[in-house]
Amino acid sequence: MDTRELAIQRAISNFNTGVYSSQRAAAKAYGIPLSTLHGRLRGATTSGLSY
């Protein structure tokens, strides 16, 4: 798993457990786009898995 994917997974985990109260805060803390985090939380797959 690359570092970007790891950051996304950690942001999702920390958001879901309440470490961050907003998606924006979790995305900012891990340096990932808010749209990426939002999409993943809604069930989007990685581009590598999609193709």
PDB file of N, CA and C in Angstrom:
ATOM      1  N   MET A   1       0.857  -1.172   0.000  1.00  0.00           N
ATOM      2  CA  MET A   1       0.000   0.000   0.000  1.00  0.00           C
ATOM      3  C   MET A   1       0.903   1.236   0.000  1.00  0.00           C
ATOM      4  N   ASP A   2       0.628   2.164  -0.903  1.00  0.00           N
ATOM      5  CA  ASP A   2       1.471   3.357  -0.962  1.00  0.00           C
ATOM      6  C   ASP A   2       1.107   4.354   0.137  1.00  0.00           C
ATOM      7  N   THR A   3       1.933   5.360   0.297  1.00  0.00           N
ATOM      8  CA  THR A   3       1.740   6.303   1.399  1.00  0.00           C
ATOM      9  C   THR A   3       0.464   7.123   1.258  1.00  0.00           C
ATOM     10  N   ARG A   4       0.067   7.436   0.023  1.00  0.00           N
ATOM     11  CA  ARG A   4      -1.162   8.210  -0.178  1.00  0.00           C
ATOM     12  C   ARG A   4      -2.374   7.394   0.256  1.00  0.00           C
ATOM     13  N   GLU A   5      -2.406   6.149  -0.151  1.00  0.00           N
ATOM     14  CA  GLU A   5      -3.520   5.275   0.221  1.00  0.00           C
ATOM     15  C   GLU A   5      -3.557   5.064   1.733  1.00  0.00           C
ATOM     16  N   LEU A   6      -2.407   4.936   2.336  1.00  0.00           N
ATOM     17  CA  LEU A   6      -2.333   4.781   3.788  1.00  0.00           C
ATOM     18  C   LEU A   6      -2.883   6.024   4.493  1.00  0.00           C
ATOM     19  N   ALA A   7      -2.545   7.201   3.984  1.00  0.00           N
ATOM     20  CA  ALA A   7      -3.061   8.446   4.563  1.00  0.00           C
ATOM     21  C   ALA A   7      -4.577   8.517   4.439  1.00  0.00           C
ATOM     22  N   ILE A   8      -5.107   8.091   3.309  1.00  0.00           N
ATOM     23  CA  ILE A   8      -6.559   8.095   3.105  1.00  0.00           C
ATOM     24  C   ILE A   8      -7.228   7.145   4.087  1.00  0.00           C
ATOM     25  N   GLN A   9      -6.675   5.955   4.239  1.00  0.00           N
ATOM     26  CA  GLN A   9      -7.253   4.977   5.159  1.00  0.00           C
ATOM     27  C   GLN A   9      -7.205   5.469   6.610  1.00  0.00           C
ATOM     28  N   ARG A  10      -6.130   6.108   6.990  1.00  0.00           N
ATOM     29  CA  ARG A  10      -6.024   6.645   8.351  1.00  0.00           C
ATOM     30  C   ARG A  10      -7.012   7.787   8.571  1.00  0.00           C
ATOM     31  N   ALA A  11      -7.162   8.641   7.572  1.00  0.00           N
ATOM     32  CA  ALA A  11      -8.120   9.744   7.685  1.00  0.00           C
ATOM     33  C   ALA A  11      -9.535   9.210   7.842  1.00  0.00           C
ATOM     34  N   ILE A  12      -9.886   8.189   7.066  1.00  0.00           N
ATOM     35  CA  ILE A  12     -11.213   7.574   7.164  1.00  0.00           C
ATOM     36  C   ILE A  12     -11.406   6.970   8.546  1.00  0.00           C
ATOM     37  N   SER A  13     -10.422   6.229   9.004  1.00  0.00           N
ATOM     38  CA  SER A  13     -10.513   5.585  10.308  1.00  0.00           C
ATOM     39  C   SER A  13     -10.667   6.604  11.429  1.00  0.00           C
ATOM     40  N   ASN A  14      -9.846   7.638  11.398  1.00  0.00           N
ATOM     41  CA  ASN A  14      -9.910   8.654  12.448  1.00  0.00           C
ATOM     42  C   ASN A  14     -11.190   9.466  12.383  1.00  0.00           C
ATOM     43  N   PHE A  15     -11.711   9.704  11.209  1.00  0.00           N
ATOM     44  CA  PHE A  15     -12.987  10.404  11.094  1.00  0.00           C
ATOM     45  C   PHE A  15     -14.109   9.536  11.658  1.00  0.00           C
ATOM     46  N   ASN A  16     -14.118   8.265  11.297  1.00  0.00           N
ATOM     47  CA  ASN A  16     -15.179   7.360  11.749  1.00  0.00           C
ATOM     48  C   ASN A  16     -15.157   7.114  13.258  1.00  0.00           C
ATOM     49  N   THR A  17     -13.985   7.175  13.867  1.00  0.00           N
ATOM     50  CA  THR A  17     -13.897   6.952  15.312  1.00  0.00           C
ATOM     51  C   THR A  17     -14.051   8.234  16.120  1.00  0.00           C
ATOM     52  N   GLY A  18     -14.182   9.359  15.444  1.00  0.00           N
ATOM     53  CA  GLY A  18     -14.434  10.614  16.135  1.00  0.00           C
ATOM     54  C   GLY A  18     -13.211  11.425  16.500  1.00  0.00           C
ATOM     55  N   VAL A  19     -12.042  11.014  16.026  1.00  0.00           N
ATOM     56  CA  VAL A  19     -10.835  11.795  16.293  1.00  0.00           C
ATOM     57  C   VAL A  19     -10.977  13.182  15.664  1.00  0.00           C
ATOM     58  N   TYR A  20     -11.537  13.221  14.454  1.00  0.00           N
ATOM     59  CA  TYR A  20     -11.819  14.482  13.773  1.00  0.00           C
ATOM     60  C   TYR A  20     -13.322  14.630  13.653  1.00  0.00           C
ATOM     61  N   SER A  21     -13.811  15.820  13.945  1.00  0.00           N
ATOM     62  CA  SER A  21     -15.257  16.036  13.937  1.00  0.00           C
ATOM     63  C   SER A  21     -15.797  16.359  12.549  1.00  0.00           C
ATOM     64  N   SER A  22     -14.914  16.623  11.592  1.00  0.00           N
ATOM     65  CA  SER A  22     -15.380  16.924  10.241  1.00  0.00           C
ATOM     66  C   SER A  22     -14.481  16.251   9.211  1.00  0.00           C
ATOM     67  N   GLN A  23     -15.051  16.031   8.046  1.00  0.00           N
ATOM     68  CA  GLN A  23     -14.278  15.459   6.950  1.00  0.00           C
ATOM     69  C   GLN A  23     -13.168  16.418   6.545  1.00  0.00           C
ATOM     70  N   ARG A  24     -13.468  17.688   6.564  1.00  0.00           N
ATOM     71  CA  ARG A  24     -12.482  18.704   6.186  1.00  0.00           C
ATOM     72  C   ARG A  24     -11.253  18.649   7.103  1.00  0.00           C
ATOM     73  N   ALA A  25     -11.475  18.517   8.392  1.00  0.00           N
ATOM     74  CA  ALA A  25     -10.366  18.457   9.352  1.00  0.00           C
ATOM     75  C   ALA A  25      -9.522  17.204   9.135  1.00  0.00           C
ATOM     76  N   ALA A  26     -10.167  16.080   8.886  1.00  0.00           N
ATOM     77  CA  ALA A  26      -9.432  14.833   8.654  1.00  0.00           C
ATOM     78  C   ALA A  26      -8.617  14.920   7.369  1.00  0.00           C
ATOM     79  N   ALA A  27      -9.213  15.455   6.315  1.00  0.00           N
ATOM     80  CA  ALA A  27      -8.507  15.589   5.041  1.00  0.00           C
ATOM     81  C   ALA A  27      -7.303  16.518   5.183  1.00  0.00           C
ATOM     82  N   LYS A  28      -7.494  17.627   5.865  1.00  0.00           N
ATOM     83  CA  LYS A  28      -6.410  18.592   6.052  1.00  0.00           C
ATOM     84  C   LYS A  28      -5.277  17.997   6.882  1.00  0.00           C
ATOM     85  N   ALA A  29      -5.617  17.252   7.922  1.00  0.00           N
ATOM     86  CA  ALA A  29      -4.602  16.660   8.793  1.00  0.00           C
ATOM     87  C   ALA A  29      -3.710  15.677   8.047  1.00  0.00           C
ATOM     88  N   TYR A  30      -4.263  14.996   7.065  1.00  0.00           N
ATOM     89  CA  TYR A  30      -3.491  13.995   6.323  1.00  0.00           C
ATOM     90  C   TYR A  30      -3.051  14.469   4.943  1.00  0.00           C
ATOM     91  N   GLY A  31      -3.362  15.713   4.601  1.00  0.00           N
ATOM     92  CA  GLY A  31      -2.895  16.281   3.340  1.00  0.00           C
ATOM     93  C   GLY A  31      -3.507  15.646   2.110  1.00  0.00           C
ATOM     94  N   ILE A  32      -4.767  15.255   2.212  1.00  0.00           N
ATOM     95  CA  ILE A  32      -5.452  14.669   1.059  1.00  0.00           C
ATOM     96  C   ILE A  32      -6.618  15.572   0.663  1.00  0.00           C
ATOM     97  N   PRO A  33      -7.024  15.542  -0.604  1.00  0.00           N
ATOM     98  CA  PRO A  33      -8.143  16.371  -1.031  1.00  0.00           C
ATOM     99  C   PRO A  33      -9.441  15.970  -0.326  1.00  0.00           C
ATOM    100  N   LEU A  34     -10.231  16.961   0.035  1.00  0.00           N
ATOM    101  CA  LEU A  34     -11.516  16.705   0.674  1.00  0.00           C
ATOM    102  C   LEU A  34     -12.402  15.853  -0.224  1.00  0.00           C
ATOM    103  N   SER A  35     -12.365  16.109  -1.524  1.00  0.00           N
ATOM    104  CA  SER A  35     -13.204  15.345  -2.451  1.00  0.00           C
ATOM    105  C   SER A  35     -12.828  13.865  -2.465  1.00  0.00           C
ATOM    106  N   THR A  36     -11.553  13.570  -2.296  1.00  0.00           N
ATOM    107  CA  THR A  36     -11.109  12.178  -2.242  1.00  0.00           C
ATOM    108  C   THR A  36     -11.653  11.495  -0.998  1.00  0.00           C
ATOM    109  N   LEU A  37     -11.519  12.152   0.137  1.00  0.00           N
ATOM    110  CA  LEU A  37     -12.025  11.587   1.386  1.00  0.00           C
ATOM    111  C   LEU A  37     -13.538  11.420   1.326  1.00  0.00           C
ATOM    112  N   HIS A  38     -14.216  12.434   0.841  1.00  0.00           N
ATOM    113  CA  HIS A  38     -15.676  12.376   0.742  1.00  0.00           C
ATOM    114  C   HIS A  38     -16.110  11.215  -0.156  1.00  0.00           C
ATOM    115  N   GLY A  39     -15.452  11.067  -1.286  1.00  0.00           N
ATOM    116  CA  GLY A  39     -15.788   9.982  -2.200  1.00  0.00           C
ATOM    117  C   GLY A  39     -15.567   8.617  -1.588  1.00  0.00           C
ATOM    118  N   ARG A  40     -14.456   8.448  -0.900  1.00  0.00           N
ATOM    119  CA  ARG A  40     -14.160   7.160  -0.271  1.00  0.00           C
ATOM    120  C   ARG A  40     -15.168   6.826   0.815  1.00  0.00           C
ATOM    121  N   LEU A  41     -15.580   7.837   1.574  1.00  0.00           N
ATOM    122  CA  LEU A  41     -16.573   7.600   2.616  1.00  0.00           C
ATOM    123  C   LEU A  41     -17.920   7.202   2.018  1.00  0.00           C
ATOM    124  N   ARG A  42     -18.167   7.614   0.787  1.00  0.00           N
ATOM    125  CA  ARG A  42     -19.418   7.263   0.112  1.00  0.00           C
ATOM    126  C   ARG A  42     -19.298   5.963  -0.682  1.00  0.00           C
ATOM    127  N   GLY A  43     -18.124   5.327  -0.645  1.00  0.00           N
ATOM    128  CA  GLY A  43     -17.978   4.022  -1.267  1.00  0.00           C
ATOM    129  C   GLY A  43     -17.204   3.970  -2.562  1.00  0.00           C
ATOM    130  N   ALA A  44     -16.586   5.064  -2.959  1.00  0.00           N
ATOM    131  CA  ALA A  44     -15.796   5.062  -4.186  1.00  0.00           C
ATOM    132  C   ALA A  44     -14.573   4.161  -4.015  1.00  0.00           C
ATOM    133  N   THR A  45     -14.141   3.562  -5.101  1.00  0.00           N
ATOM    134  CA  THR A  45     -12.952   2.707  -5.069  1.00  0.00           C
ATOM    135  C   THR A  45     -11.745   3.486  -5.563  1.00  0.00           C
ATOM    136  N   THR A  46     -10.573   2.947  -5.331  1.00  0.00           N
ATOM    137  CA  THR A  46      -9.356   3.587  -5.822  1.00  0.00           C
ATOM    138  C   THR A  46      -9.306   3.459  -7.333  1.00  0.00           C
ATOM    139  N   SER A  47      -8.584   4.361  -7.970  1.00  0.00           N
ATOM    140  CA  SER A  47      -8.480   4.305  -9.425  1.00  0.00           C
ATOM    141  C   SER A  47      -7.766   3.031  -9.866  1.00  0.00           C
ATOM    142  N   GLY A  48      -6.830   2.557  -9.067  1.00  0.00           N
ATOM    143  CA  GLY A  48      -6.121   1.322  -9.395  1.00  0.00           C
ATOM    144  C   GLY A  48      -7.025   0.107  -9.402  1.00  0.00           C
ATOM    145  N   LEU A  49      -8.015   0.080  -8.523  1.00  0.00           N
ATOM    146  CA  LEU A  49      -8.950  -1.038  -8.470  1.00  0.00           C
ATOM    147  C   LEU A  49     -10.046  -0.920  -9.525  1.00  0.00           C
ATOM    148  N   SER A  50     -10.298   0.293  -9.967  1.00  0.00           N
ATOM    149  CA  SER A  50     -11.383   0.515 -10.915  1.00  0.00           C
ATOM    150  C   SER A  50     -11.045   0.020 -12.312  1.00  0.00           C
ATOM    151  N   TYR A  51      -9.762   0.023 -12.655  1.00  0.00           N
ATOM    152  CA  TYR A  51      -9.384  -0.346 -14.015  1.00  0.00           C
ATOM    153  C   TYR A  51      -8.742  -1.680 -14.065  1.00  0.00           C
TER     154      TYR A  51
END
